Amino acid sequence: MSLAVVHTRANVGIQAPLITVEVHLSSGLPGFTLVGLPETVVKESRERVRSAILHSGLEFPLQRITINLAPADLPKGGGRFDLAIAVGILAASGQLGDAELTKYEFLGELSLSGEVRWVRGVLPGLLAAASDERKAIVPKANEQEAALLGNNDVLLCEHLLQVLGHLCGEDVLPGPTAAVPEALEVHGDLADVRGQATAKRALLLAAAGGHNLLLRGPPGTG
């Protein structure tokens, strides 16, 4: 296969628009072209992806590689697309066999050795992927955030080879461990106060609006 399509997510505020990574391999002098309005950090992913693939013991295709991040009019920043680009190159060069990439979305920055690093703000992307009925593969370092989703739609990875093993059916990536809520300190509750409806309403309004409040009365009225 000389053309592969992989899905990932951008991070725009609290929104996570879908990004389609299209990878095409063609004959000619070896080259690596990245289009689709990428910022400088994204353009630098060419070297990170190349090194990560080679240091993982995989083959980096000696062909002309063209990668399009669509939609082209959406600015894209950060290293969050590294993993998706690497998976697309491996798929286009036939190193993933018959892996069903349409079932997954990939988020993660790659180190030069192939480790998958933490990326900022994955939760909106996880929610969007789940709504589109796709599983998301994200860095193990994002487990605490991924555990907030509370379902089986998130898989964790620490290295590019783990992702390759999962897609090829040789291994199974784990999901996040359920987040354990911290014990809350118990304080008094206004519901425990009998009567005093006017005073309680004044307290609620002052707390909600951040206003100053002075309570006066004879001894014993509180």
N, C-alpha and C. Protein backbone atom coordinates (compact mmCIF):
# COMPACT_ATOMS: atom_id res chain seq x y z
N MET A 1 0.85 -1.18 0.00
CA MET A 1 0.00 0.00 0.00
C MET A 1 0.89 1.24 0.00
N SER A 2 0.71 2.11 -0.98
CA SER A 2 1.51 3.33 -1.03
C SER A 2 0.76 4.53 -0.48
N LEU A 3 -0.51 4.31 -0.08
CA LEU A 3 -1.30 5.40 0.51
C LEU A 3 -1.95 4.89 1.78
N ALA A 4 -1.81 5.66 2.86
CA ALA A 4 -2.42 5.29 4.13
C ALA A 4 -3.10 6.51 4.72
N VAL A 5 -4.20 6.26 5.44
CA VAL A 5 -4.96 7.33 6.09
C VAL A 5 -5.09 7.00 7.57
N VAL A 6 -4.69 7.95 8.42
CA VAL A 6 -4.71 7.77 9.86
C VAL A 6 -5.41 8.97 10.48
N HIS A 7 -6.09 8.75 11.60
CA HIS A 7 -6.82 9.83 12.26
C HIS A 7 -6.15 10.26 13.55
N THR A 8 -6.21 11.54 13.82
CA THR A 8 -5.73 12.10 15.08
C THR A 8 -6.59 13.32 15.41
N ARG A 9 -6.20 14.08 16.44
CA ARG A 9 -7.00 15.24 16.85
C ARG A 9 -6.10 16.43 17.13
N ALA A 10 -6.55 17.61 16.71
CA ALA A 10 -5.87 18.85 17.07
C ALA A 10 -6.41 19.31 18.42
N ASN A 11 -5.80 20.35 18.96
CA ASN A 11 -6.24 20.90 20.24
C ASN A 11 -6.46 22.39 20.05
N VAL A 12 -7.74 22.78 19.97
CA VAL A 12 -8.10 24.19 19.78
C VAL A 12 -9.01 24.60 20.93
N GLY A 13 -8.43 25.16 21.97
CA GLY A 13 -9.21 25.48 23.17
C GLY A 13 -9.72 24.22 23.81
N ILE A 14 -11.04 24.14 23.98
CA ILE A 14 -11.65 22.93 24.53
C ILE A 14 -12.20 22.05 23.42
N GLN A 15 -11.93 22.41 22.18
CA GLN A 15 -12.39 21.62 21.04
C GLN A 15 -11.25 20.72 20.55
N ALA A 16 -11.62 19.62 19.92
CA ALA A 16 -10.63 18.68 19.38
C ALA A 16 -11.05 18.28 17.97
N PRO A 17 -10.86 19.16 17.00
CA PRO A 17 -11.26 18.84 15.62
C PRO A 17 -10.47 17.65 15.07
N LEU A 18 -11.15 16.86 14.26
CA LEU A 18 -10.53 15.69 13.67
C LEU A 18 -9.49 16.09 12.62
N ILE A 19 -8.33 15.48 12.68
CA ILE A 19 -7.27 15.68 11.69
C ILE A 19 -7.03 14.36 10.97
N THR A 20 -7.08 14.40 9.66
CA THR A 20 -6.80 13.21 8.85
C THR A 20 -5.38 13.31 8.32
N VAL A 21 -4.57 12.32 8.65
CA VAL A 21 -3.18 12.26 8.21
C VAL A 21 -3.11 11.35 6.99
N GLU A 22 -2.83 11.93 5.84
CA GLU A 22 -2.73 11.16 4.59
C GLU A 22 -1.25 11.02 4.24
N VAL A 23 -0.81 9.77 4.10
CA VAL A 23 0.60 9.49 3.80
C VAL A 23 0.69 8.80 2.44
N HIS A 24 1.48 9.40 1.55
CA HIS A 24 1.65 8.84 0.21
C HIS A 24 3.13 8.60 -0.06
N LEU A 25 3.45 7.40 -0.53
CA LEU A 25 4.81 7.06 -0.92
C LEU A 25 4.87 6.94 -2.44
N SER A 26 5.86 7.59 -3.03
CA SER A 26 6.01 7.54 -4.48
C SER A 26 7.48 7.35 -4.84
N SER A 27 7.71 6.95 -6.07
CA SER A 27 9.07 6.75 -6.54
C SER A 27 9.74 8.11 -6.78
N GLY A 28 11.05 8.09 -6.77
CA GLY A 28 11.80 9.33 -6.95
C GLY A 28 12.86 9.46 -5.88
N LEU A 29 13.52 10.59 -5.86
CA LEU A 29 14.54 10.81 -4.85
C LEU A 29 13.91 10.83 -3.46
N PRO A 30 14.55 10.20 -2.46
CA PRO A 30 14.00 10.18 -1.11
C PRO A 30 13.78 11.61 -0.59
N GLY A 31 12.63 11.84 -0.01
CA GLY A 31 12.30 13.15 0.53
C GLY A 31 11.13 13.03 1.49
N PHE A 32 10.91 14.05 2.29
CA PHE A 32 9.87 14.03 3.31
C PHE A 32 9.19 15.40 3.29
N THR A 33 8.00 15.47 2.70
CA THR A 33 7.27 16.73 2.58
C THR A 33 6.03 16.69 3.46
N LEU A 34 5.88 17.73 4.27
CA LEU A 34 4.75 17.82 5.20
C LEU A 34 3.93 19.06 4.84
N VAL A 35 2.67 18.86 4.46
CA VAL A 35 1.81 19.97 4.06
C VAL A 35 0.54 19.96 4.91
N GLY A 36 -0.23 21.06 4.82
CA GLY A 36 -1.45 21.17 5.60
C GLY A 36 -1.35 22.23 6.67
N LEU A 37 -0.61 23.30 6.42
CA LEU A 37 -0.45 24.43 7.32
C LEU A 37 0.10 24.02 8.69
N PRO A 38 1.20 23.27 8.73
CA PRO A 38 1.78 22.89 10.02
C PRO A 38 2.67 24.00 10.58
N GLU A 39 2.71 24.14 11.90
CA GLU A 39 3.61 25.09 12.54
C GLU A 39 5.01 24.48 12.63
N THR A 40 5.96 25.27 13.13
CA THR A 40 7.36 24.85 13.15
C THR A 40 7.56 23.55 13.90
N VAL A 41 6.92 23.41 15.07
CA VAL A 41 7.09 22.20 15.88
C VAL A 41 6.61 20.97 15.12
N VAL A 42 5.51 21.13 14.36
CA VAL A 42 5.00 20.00 13.58
C VAL A 42 5.97 19.65 12.46
N LYS A 43 6.54 20.66 11.81
CA LYS A 43 7.50 20.40 10.73
C LYS A 43 8.72 19.64 11.26
N GLU A 44 9.10 19.93 12.50
CA GLU A 44 10.24 19.24 13.09
C GLU A 44 9.96 17.77 13.36
N SER A 45 8.70 17.37 13.29
CA SER A 45 8.36 15.97 13.52
C SER A 45 8.98 15.05 12.48
N ARG A 46 9.36 15.59 11.34
CA ARG A 46 10.00 14.76 10.31
C ARG A 46 11.22 14.06 10.86
N GLU A 47 12.05 14.79 11.60
CA GLU A 47 13.27 14.19 12.14
C GLU A 47 12.96 13.27 13.31
N ARG A 48 11.99 13.65 14.14
CA ARG A 48 11.63 12.80 15.26
C ARG A 48 11.07 11.47 14.78
N VAL A 49 10.18 11.54 13.80
CA VAL A 49 9.55 10.32 13.28
C VAL A 49 10.58 9.43 12.60
N ARG A 50 11.44 10.01 11.78
CA ARG A 50 12.45 9.22 11.09
C ARG A 50 13.36 8.49 12.09
N SER A 51 13.84 9.21 13.10
CA SER A 51 14.72 8.61 14.09
C SER A 51 13.99 7.56 14.92
N ALA A 52 12.75 7.84 15.30
CA ALA A 52 11.98 6.89 16.12
C ALA A 52 11.76 5.57 15.38
N ILE A 53 11.45 5.64 14.09
CA ILE A 53 11.24 4.43 13.30
C ILE A 53 12.53 3.63 13.18
N LEU A 54 13.63 4.29 12.88
CA LEU A 54 14.91 3.60 12.71
C LEU A 54 15.40 3.00 14.03
N HIS A 55 15.30 3.74 15.13
CA HIS A 55 15.77 3.25 16.42
C HIS A 55 14.86 2.17 17.00
N SER A 56 13.68 2.00 16.43
CA SER A 56 12.79 0.91 16.84
C SER A 56 13.07 -0.36 16.05
N GLY A 57 14.08 -0.33 15.19
CA GLY A 57 14.43 -1.50 14.40
C GLY A 57 13.53 -1.70 13.21
N LEU A 58 12.80 -0.67 12.80
CA LEU A 58 11.88 -0.76 11.66
C LEU A 58 12.52 -0.11 10.44
N GLU A 59 11.89 -0.29 9.30
CA GLU A 59 12.44 0.22 8.05
C GLU A 59 11.81 1.57 7.71
N PHE A 60 12.64 2.57 7.49
CA PHE A 60 12.15 3.86 7.02
C PHE A 60 12.25 3.86 5.50
N PRO A 61 11.12 4.01 4.80
CA PRO A 61 11.12 3.88 3.34
C PRO A 61 12.00 4.93 2.64
N LEU A 62 12.85 4.46 1.76
CA LEU A 62 13.71 5.35 0.97
C LEU A 62 12.97 5.75 -0.30
N GLN A 63 11.87 6.47 -0.11
CA GLN A 63 11.03 6.94 -1.21
C GLN A 63 10.65 8.40 -0.95
N ARG A 64 9.92 8.95 -1.88
CA ARG A 64 9.41 10.30 -1.68
C ARG A 64 8.14 10.21 -0.83
N ILE A 65 8.18 10.81 0.35
CA ILE A 65 7.07 10.73 1.30
C ILE A 65 6.36 12.08 1.34
N THR A 66 5.07 12.05 1.06
CA THR A 66 4.25 13.26 1.15
C THR A 66 3.17 13.03 2.20
N ILE A 67 3.11 13.93 3.16
CA ILE A 67 2.14 13.81 4.25
C ILE A 67 1.27 15.07 4.27
N ASN A 68 -0.03 14.85 4.23
CA ASN A 68 -0.99 15.94 4.26
C ASN A 68 -1.80 15.86 5.54
N LEU A 69 -1.84 16.98 6.29
CA LEU A 69 -2.65 17.07 7.51
C LEU A 69 -3.91 17.86 7.16
N ALA A 70 -5.02 17.15 7.01
CA ALA A 70 -6.26 17.79 6.59
C ALA A 70 -7.24 17.93 7.77
N PRO A 71 -8.02 19.02 7.82
CA PRO A 71 -8.16 20.06 6.80
C PRO A 71 -6.98 21.03 6.78
N ALA A 72 -6.62 21.49 5.60
CA ALA A 72 -5.42 22.30 5.44
C ALA A 72 -5.57 23.70 6.04
N ASP A 73 -6.80 24.20 6.20
CA ASP A 73 -6.98 25.57 6.68
C ASP A 73 -6.96 25.68 8.20
N LEU A 74 -6.77 24.57 8.90
CA LEU A 74 -6.73 24.58 10.37
C LEU A 74 -5.28 24.57 10.84
N PRO A 75 -4.82 25.63 11.54
CA PRO A 75 -3.44 25.63 12.04
C PRO A 75 -3.20 24.48 13.00
N LYS A 76 -2.01 23.90 12.92
CA LYS A 76 -1.71 22.73 13.73
C LYS A 76 -0.38 22.94 14.45
N GLY A 77 -0.37 22.74 15.77
CA GLY A 77 0.84 22.96 16.54
C GLY A 77 1.11 21.82 17.50
N GLY A 78 2.34 21.78 18.03
CA GLY A 78 2.71 20.76 19.00
C GLY A 78 3.18 19.47 18.35
N GLY A 79 3.68 18.58 19.18
CA GLY A 79 4.19 17.30 18.68
C GLY A 79 3.19 16.18 18.77
N ARG A 80 1.90 16.52 18.99
CA ARG A 80 0.86 15.51 19.21
C ARG A 80 0.58 14.65 17.97
N PHE A 81 1.05 15.07 16.79
CA PHE A 81 0.77 14.32 15.56
C PHE A 81 1.87 13.30 15.22
N ASP A 82 2.95 13.27 15.99
CA ASP A 82 4.09 12.39 15.67
C ASP A 82 3.68 10.93 15.53
N LEU A 83 2.93 10.43 16.52
CA LEU A 83 2.55 9.02 16.51
C LEU A 83 1.70 8.67 15.30
N ALA A 84 0.74 9.54 14.97
CA ALA A 84 -0.12 9.28 13.81
C ALA A 84 0.69 9.29 12.52
N ILE A 85 1.64 10.21 12.39
CA ILE A 85 2.48 10.27 11.19
C ILE A 85 3.32 9.01 11.06
N ALA A 86 3.92 8.56 12.18
CA ALA A 86 4.74 7.35 12.14
C ALA A 86 3.91 6.13 11.76
N VAL A 87 2.71 6.00 12.34
CA VAL A 87 1.84 4.87 12.00
C VAL A 87 1.46 4.93 10.53
N GLY A 88 1.18 6.12 10.02
CA GLY A 88 0.84 6.25 8.61
C GLY A 88 1.97 5.83 7.69
N ILE A 89 3.20 6.20 8.03
CA ILE A 89 4.36 5.81 7.22
C ILE A 89 4.55 4.29 7.25
N LEU A 90 4.41 3.70 8.43
CA LEU A 90 4.55 2.24 8.54
C LEU A 90 3.46 1.52 7.76
N ALA A 91 2.24 2.07 7.78
CA ALA A 91 1.15 1.44 7.04
C ALA A 91 1.35 1.58 5.55
N ALA A 92 1.75 2.77 5.09
CA ALA A 92 1.94 2.99 3.66
C ALA A 92 3.07 2.15 3.10
N SER A 93 4.06 1.83 3.93
CA SER A 93 5.19 1.02 3.48
C SER A 93 4.96 -0.47 3.69
N GLY A 94 3.75 -0.85 4.11
CA GLY A 94 3.40 -2.26 4.23
C GLY A 94 3.91 -2.96 5.46
N GLN A 95 4.28 -2.22 6.50
CA GLN A 95 4.84 -2.84 7.70
C GLN A 95 3.79 -3.13 8.77
N LEU A 96 2.53 -2.79 8.50
CA LEU A 96 1.46 -3.05 9.46
C LEU A 96 0.49 -4.13 8.99
N GLY A 97 0.78 -4.76 7.87
CA GLY A 97 -0.09 -5.82 7.38
C GLY A 97 -1.49 -5.30 7.08
N ASP A 98 -2.50 -6.02 7.60
CA ASP A 98 -3.89 -5.66 7.35
C ASP A 98 -4.52 -4.95 8.55
N ALA A 99 -3.74 -4.17 9.26
CA ALA A 99 -4.25 -3.47 10.43
C ALA A 99 -5.40 -2.54 10.05
N GLU A 100 -6.47 -2.56 10.86
CA GLU A 100 -7.65 -1.72 10.59
C GLU A 100 -7.45 -0.37 11.29
N LEU A 101 -6.82 0.54 10.60
CA LEU A 101 -6.50 1.83 11.20
C LEU A 101 -7.73 2.70 11.40
N THR A 102 -8.81 2.43 10.68
CA THR A 102 -10.00 3.28 10.79
C THR A 102 -10.67 3.16 12.16
N LYS A 103 -10.29 2.16 12.94
CA LYS A 103 -10.89 1.97 14.26
C LYS A 103 -10.21 2.79 15.34
N TYR A 104 -9.09 3.45 14.98
CA TYR A 104 -8.27 4.10 16.01
C TYR A 104 -8.00 5.56 15.69
N GLU A 105 -7.68 6.29 16.75
CA GLU A 105 -7.10 7.62 16.63
C GLU A 105 -5.82 7.63 17.46
N PHE A 106 -4.81 8.35 17.01
CA PHE A 106 -3.48 8.30 17.62
C PHE A 106 -3.06 9.70 18.09
N LEU A 107 -2.61 9.77 19.34
CA LEU A 107 -2.12 11.02 19.90
C LEU A 107 -0.84 10.74 20.66
N GLY A 108 0.22 11.49 20.38
CA GLY A 108 1.45 11.29 21.14
C GLY A 108 2.65 11.87 20.41
N GLU A 109 3.59 12.39 21.19
CA GLU A 109 4.85 12.88 20.64
C GLU A 109 5.89 11.78 20.76
N LEU A 110 6.75 11.66 19.77
CA LEU A 110 7.78 10.62 19.76
C LEU A 110 9.14 11.19 20.14
N SER A 111 9.87 10.41 20.93
CA SER A 111 11.27 10.74 21.17
C SER A 111 12.10 10.14 20.05
N LEU A 112 13.38 10.48 20.01
CA LEU A 112 14.24 9.94 18.95
C LEU A 112 14.42 8.43 19.08
N SER A 113 14.20 7.89 20.27
CA SER A 113 14.36 6.45 20.48
C SER A 113 13.07 5.67 20.27
N GLY A 114 11.96 6.38 20.01
CA GLY A 114 10.69 5.69 19.76
C GLY A 114 9.74 5.70 20.93
N GLU A 115 10.14 6.30 22.06
CA GLU A 115 9.24 6.39 23.19
C GLU A 115 8.12 7.38 22.89
N VAL A 116 6.94 7.10 23.43
CA VAL A 116 5.78 7.97 23.21
C VAL A 116 5.63 8.87 24.43
N ARG A 117 5.71 10.17 24.20
CA ARG A 117 5.73 11.13 25.29
C ARG A 117 4.38 11.81 25.51
N TRP A 118 4.24 12.36 26.71
CA TRP A 118 3.04 13.08 27.13
C TRP A 118 2.74 14.25 26.19
N VAL A 119 1.46 14.46 25.95
CA VAL A 119 1.03 15.64 25.19
C VAL A 119 -0.05 16.36 25.98
N ARG A 120 -0.19 17.64 25.70
CA ARG A 120 -1.12 18.48 26.45
C ARG A 120 -2.56 18.32 25.96
N GLY A 121 -3.49 18.27 26.92
CA GLY A 121 -4.91 18.36 26.61
C GLY A 121 -5.48 17.24 25.76
N VAL A 122 -5.36 15.97 26.22
CA VAL A 122 -5.89 14.86 25.42
C VAL A 122 -7.37 14.60 25.69
N LEU A 123 -7.89 15.08 26.83
CA LEU A 123 -9.27 14.73 27.21
C LEU A 123 -10.30 15.12 26.16
N PRO A 124 -10.28 16.35 25.61
CA PRO A 124 -11.26 16.67 24.55
C PRO A 124 -11.16 15.72 23.35
N GLY A 125 -9.92 15.33 23.00
CA GLY A 125 -9.75 14.40 21.89
C GLY A 125 -10.30 13.02 22.20
N LEU A 126 -10.15 12.58 23.46
CA LEU A 126 -10.68 11.27 23.85
C LEU A 126 -12.20 11.27 23.81
N LEU A 127 -12.80 12.34 24.27
CA LEU A 127 -14.27 12.44 24.24
C LEU A 127 -14.78 12.45 22.80
N ALA A 128 -14.08 13.19 21.93
CA ALA A 128 -14.49 13.26 20.53
C ALA A 128 -14.32 11.92 19.83
N ALA A 129 -13.22 11.23 20.13
CA ALA A 129 -12.99 9.91 19.52
C ALA A 129 -14.06 8.91 19.95
N ALA A 130 -14.41 8.95 21.23
CA ALA A 130 -15.44 8.03 21.73
C ALA A 130 -16.79 8.31 21.07
N SER A 131 -17.10 9.59 20.84
CA SER A 131 -18.37 9.93 20.19
C SER A 131 -18.39 9.46 18.74
N ASP A 132 -17.21 9.34 18.12
CA ASP A 132 -17.12 8.83 16.75
C ASP A 132 -16.89 7.32 16.71
N GLU A 133 -16.99 6.68 17.89
CA GLU A 133 -16.88 5.22 18.01
C GLU A 133 -15.52 4.71 17.53
N ARG A 134 -14.46 5.46 17.91
CA ARG A 134 -13.10 5.00 17.64
C ARG A 134 -12.32 4.95 18.94
N LYS A 135 -11.42 3.98 19.03
CA LYS A 135 -10.55 3.89 20.19
C LYS A 135 -9.38 4.85 20.01
N ALA A 136 -8.93 5.43 21.11
CA ALA A 136 -7.81 6.36 21.07
C ALA A 136 -6.59 5.71 21.71
N ILE A 137 -5.46 5.79 21.03
CA ILE A 137 -4.18 5.30 21.57
C ILE A 137 -3.37 6.52 21.97
N VAL A 138 -3.08 6.63 23.27
CA VAL A 138 -2.42 7.83 23.81
C VAL A 138 -1.24 7.41 24.68
N PRO A 139 -0.37 8.35 25.04
CA PRO A 139 0.79 8.01 25.87
C PRO A 139 0.39 7.52 27.26
N LYS A 140 1.18 6.60 27.79
CA LYS A 140 0.99 6.13 29.16
C LYS A 140 1.07 7.29 30.14
N ALA A 141 1.87 8.29 29.82
CA ALA A 141 2.04 9.45 30.70
C ALA A 141 0.76 10.26 30.84
N ASN A 142 -0.22 10.06 29.95
CA ASN A 142 -1.50 10.75 30.03
C ASN A 142 -2.58 9.90 30.71
N GLU A 143 -2.15 8.86 31.44
CA GLU A 143 -3.11 7.92 32.01
C GLU A 143 -4.08 8.59 32.98
N GLN A 144 -3.59 9.49 33.81
CA GLN A 144 -4.46 10.13 34.79
C GLN A 144 -5.61 10.87 34.11
N GLU A 145 -5.30 11.56 33.03
CA GLU A 145 -6.34 12.28 32.28
C GLU A 145 -7.25 11.30 31.54
N ALA A 146 -6.65 10.25 30.97
CA ALA A 146 -7.44 9.28 30.22
C ALA A 146 -8.40 8.51 31.12
N ALA A 147 -8.01 8.30 32.39
CA ALA A 147 -8.86 7.54 33.30
C ALA A 147 -10.16 8.26 33.61
N LEU A 148 -10.22 9.55 33.38
CA LEU A 148 -11.44 10.32 33.64
C LEU A 148 -12.56 9.93 32.69
N LEU A 149 -12.20 9.32 31.55
CA LEU A 149 -13.22 8.94 30.58
C LEU A 149 -14.08 7.79 31.10
N GLY A 150 -13.45 6.91 31.89
CA GLY A 150 -14.20 5.84 32.54
C GLY A 150 -14.79 4.80 31.63
N ASN A 151 -14.14 4.49 30.50
CA ASN A 151 -14.63 3.42 29.63
C ASN A 151 -13.45 2.70 28.99
N ASN A 152 -13.74 1.82 28.04
CA ASN A 152 -12.70 1.00 27.42
C ASN A 152 -12.27 1.52 26.06
N ASP A 153 -12.51 2.80 25.81
CA ASP A 153 -12.20 3.36 24.50
C ASP A 153 -10.81 3.98 24.42
N VAL A 154 -10.01 3.83 25.48
CA VAL A 154 -8.67 4.42 25.51
C VAL A 154 -7.63 3.33 25.75
N LEU A 155 -6.55 3.35 24.97
CA LEU A 155 -5.45 2.41 25.12
C LEU A 155 -4.17 3.21 25.36
N LEU A 156 -3.28 2.68 26.20
CA LEU A 156 -2.07 3.38 26.59
C LEU A 156 -0.83 2.72 26.00
N CYS A 157 0.14 3.52 25.62
CA CYS A 157 1.38 2.99 25.06
C CYS A 157 2.57 3.80 25.58
N GLU A 158 3.72 3.15 25.61
CA GLU A 158 4.95 3.81 26.03
C GLU A 158 6.01 3.85 24.93
N HIS A 159 5.81 3.03 23.88
CA HIS A 159 6.80 2.95 22.81
C HIS A 159 6.10 2.66 21.49
N LEU A 160 6.71 3.10 20.41
CA LEU A 160 6.15 2.88 19.08
C LEU A 160 5.99 1.40 18.79
N LEU A 161 6.91 0.57 19.26
CA LEU A 161 6.83 -0.87 19.00
C LEU A 161 5.60 -1.49 19.66
N GLN A 162 5.16 -0.96 20.80
CA GLN A 162 3.95 -1.47 21.44
C GLN A 162 2.72 -1.21 20.57
N VAL A 163 2.69 -0.04 19.96
CA VAL A 163 1.59 0.30 19.06
C VAL A 163 1.60 -0.63 17.85
N LEU A 164 2.79 -0.86 17.30
CA LEU A 164 2.93 -1.76 16.16
C LEU A 164 2.45 -3.16 16.52
N GLY A 165 2.85 -3.66 17.70
CA GLY A 165 2.42 -4.99 18.13
C GLY A 165 0.92 -5.09 18.29
N HIS A 166 0.30 -4.06 18.81
CA HIS A 166 -1.15 -4.08 18.99
C HIS A 166 -1.88 -4.08 17.65
N LEU A 167 -1.44 -3.23 16.74
CA LEU A 167 -2.11 -3.14 15.44
C LEU A 167 -1.95 -4.42 14.62
N CYS A 168 -0.84 -5.10 14.83
CA CYS A 168 -0.58 -6.34 14.10
C CYS A 168 -1.15 -7.57 14.80
N GLY A 169 -1.80 -7.37 15.94
CA GLY A 169 -2.41 -8.47 16.67
C GLY A 169 -1.46 -9.31 17.48
N GLU A 170 -0.23 -8.84 17.68
CA GLU A 170 0.75 -9.60 18.44
C GLU A 170 0.73 -9.26 19.92
N ASP A 171 0.09 -8.18 20.29
CA ASP A 171 0.05 -7.73 21.67
C ASP A 171 -1.24 -6.95 21.88
N VAL A 172 -1.57 -6.69 23.14
CA VAL A 172 -2.77 -5.93 23.47
C VAL A 172 -2.37 -4.78 24.39
N LEU A 173 -2.67 -3.57 23.97
CA LEU A 173 -2.35 -2.41 24.79
C LEU A 173 -3.32 -2.32 25.97
N PRO A 174 -2.82 -1.96 27.15
CA PRO A 174 -3.70 -1.85 28.32
C PRO A 174 -4.49 -0.54 28.30
N GLY A 175 -5.58 -0.55 29.06
CA GLY A 175 -6.35 0.67 29.25
C GLY A 175 -5.94 1.35 30.54
N PRO A 176 -6.44 2.53 30.79
CA PRO A 176 -6.07 3.25 32.02
C PRO A 176 -6.72 2.64 33.25
N THR A 177 -6.03 2.75 34.37
CA THR A 177 -6.59 2.33 35.65
C THR A 177 -7.56 3.38 36.12
N ALA A 178 -8.70 2.93 36.63
CA ALA A 178 -9.73 3.87 37.07
C ALA A 178 -9.18 4.83 38.11
N ALA A 179 -9.49 6.10 37.92
CA ALA A 179 -9.02 7.12 38.85
C ALA A 179 -9.71 6.96 40.20
N VAL A 180 -8.91 7.02 41.27
CA VAL A 180 -9.44 6.92 42.63
C VAL A 180 -9.62 8.33 43.18
N PRO A 181 -10.85 8.73 43.48
CA PRO A 181 -11.05 10.10 43.98
C PRO A 181 -10.42 10.29 45.35
N GLU A 182 -9.85 11.45 45.57
CA GLU A 182 -9.25 11.75 46.86
C GLU A 182 -10.35 11.94 47.90
N ALA A 183 -10.03 11.55 49.15
CA ALA A 183 -10.99 11.71 50.23
C ALA A 183 -11.23 13.20 50.49
N LEU A 184 -12.50 13.56 50.57
CA LEU A 184 -12.86 14.95 50.77
C LEU A 184 -12.97 15.26 52.26
N GLU A 185 -12.48 16.42 52.63
CA GLU A 185 -12.58 16.85 54.03
C GLU A 185 -14.01 17.28 54.31
N VAL A 186 -14.57 16.73 55.39
CA VAL A 186 -15.97 17.00 55.71
C VAL A 186 -16.08 18.29 56.52
N HIS A 187 -16.97 19.18 56.07
CA HIS A 187 -17.23 20.43 56.77
C HIS A 187 -18.70 20.49 57.16
N GLY A 188 -19.04 21.52 57.95
CA GLY A 188 -20.43 21.72 58.31
C GLY A 188 -21.28 22.04 57.10
N ASP A 189 -22.56 21.75 57.20
CA ASP A 189 -23.49 21.95 56.08
C ASP A 189 -24.64 22.84 56.54
N LEU A 190 -25.01 23.80 55.69
CA LEU A 190 -26.13 24.67 56.04
C LEU A 190 -27.43 23.89 56.23
N ALA A 191 -27.50 22.71 55.61
CA ALA A 191 -28.71 21.90 55.77
C ALA A 191 -28.89 21.43 57.20
N ASP A 192 -27.81 21.46 57.97
CA ASP A 192 -27.90 21.04 59.37
C ASP A 192 -28.48 22.13 60.27
N VAL A 193 -28.58 23.34 59.76
CA VAL A 193 -29.12 24.46 60.53
C VAL A 193 -30.64 24.48 60.37
N ARG A 194 -31.34 24.42 61.50
CA ARG A 194 -32.79 24.43 61.46
C ARG A 194 -33.30 25.87 61.48
N GLY A 195 -34.28 26.14 60.64
CA GLY A 195 -34.82 27.48 60.58
C GLY A 195 -33.83 28.46 59.97
N GLN A 196 -33.90 29.71 60.38
CA GLN A 196 -32.99 30.76 59.91
C GLN A 196 -32.93 30.83 58.37
N ALA A 197 -34.10 30.75 57.74
CA ALA A 197 -34.13 30.72 56.27
C ALA A 197 -33.53 31.98 55.66
N THR A 198 -33.84 33.14 56.28
CA THR A 198 -33.33 34.40 55.73
C THR A 198 -31.81 34.47 55.85
N ALA A 199 -31.29 34.07 57.01
CA ALA A 199 -29.84 34.10 57.23
C ALA A 199 -29.12 33.13 56.28
N LYS A 200 -29.69 31.96 56.09
CA LYS A 200 -29.06 30.98 55.19
C LYS A 200 -29.07 31.47 53.73
N ARG A 201 -30.16 32.12 53.35
CA ARG A 201 -30.21 32.66 51.99
C ARG A 201 -29.17 33.76 51.81
N ALA A 202 -29.00 34.59 52.83
CA ALA A 202 -27.99 35.65 52.76
C ALA A 202 -26.59 35.05 52.64
N LEU A 203 -26.32 33.95 53.37
CA LEU A 203 -25.02 33.29 53.28
C LEU A 203 -24.77 32.74 51.88
N LEU A 204 -25.80 32.12 51.29
CA LEU A 204 -25.66 31.56 49.95
C LEU A 204 -25.39 32.64 48.91
N LEU A 205 -26.12 33.74 49.00
CA LEU A 205 -25.93 34.83 48.03
C LEU A 205 -24.55 35.46 48.18
N ALA A 206 -24.11 35.62 49.42
CA ALA A 206 -22.79 36.21 49.64
C ALA A 206 -21.68 35.30 49.13
N ALA A 207 -21.85 33.98 49.34
CA ALA A 207 -20.83 33.04 48.88
C ALA A 207 -20.81 32.97 47.35
N ALA A 208 -21.99 32.98 46.74
CA ALA A 208 -22.06 32.89 45.28
C ALA A 208 -21.49 34.12 44.60
N GLY A 209 -21.73 35.29 45.18
CA GLY A 209 -21.27 36.52 44.54
C GLY A 209 -19.96 37.05 45.08
N GLY A 210 -19.39 36.39 46.10
CA GLY A 210 -18.14 36.86 46.67
C GLY A 210 -18.30 38.17 47.43
N HIS A 211 -19.46 38.35 48.08
CA HIS A 211 -19.74 39.58 48.79
C HIS A 211 -19.36 39.47 50.27
N ASN A 212 -19.13 40.61 50.90
CA ASN A 212 -18.91 40.64 52.34
C ASN A 212 -20.25 40.44 53.05
N LEU A 213 -20.18 39.90 54.27
CA LEU A 213 -21.41 39.61 55.01
C LEU A 213 -21.16 39.79 56.51
N LEU A 214 -22.07 40.43 57.19
CA LEU A 214 -22.00 40.61 58.64
C LEU A 214 -23.31 40.11 59.24
N LEU A 215 -23.22 39.15 60.14
CA LEU A 215 -24.40 38.62 60.82
C LEU A 215 -24.44 39.19 62.24
N ARG A 216 -25.58 39.78 62.61
CA ARG A 216 -25.74 40.37 63.94
C ARG A 216 -26.98 39.77 64.60
N GLY A 217 -26.93 39.71 65.92
CA GLY A 217 -28.08 39.24 66.66
C GLY A 217 -27.73 39.04 68.12
N PRO A 218 -28.76 38.92 68.97
CA PRO A 218 -28.49 38.69 70.40
C PRO A 218 -27.86 37.32 70.62
N PRO A 219 -27.16 37.13 71.73
CA PRO A 219 -26.54 35.83 72.01
C PRO A 219 -27.56 34.70 71.96
N GLY A 220 -27.16 33.60 71.29
CA GLY A 220 -28.02 32.43 71.23
C GLY A 220 -28.83 32.32 69.96
N THR A 221 -28.88 33.38 69.15
CA THR A 221 -29.71 33.31 67.94
C THR A 221 -29.05 32.47 66.85
N GLY A 222 -27.72 32.26 66.93
CA GLY A 222 -27.05 31.47 65.90
C GLY A 222 -27.17 30.01 66.17
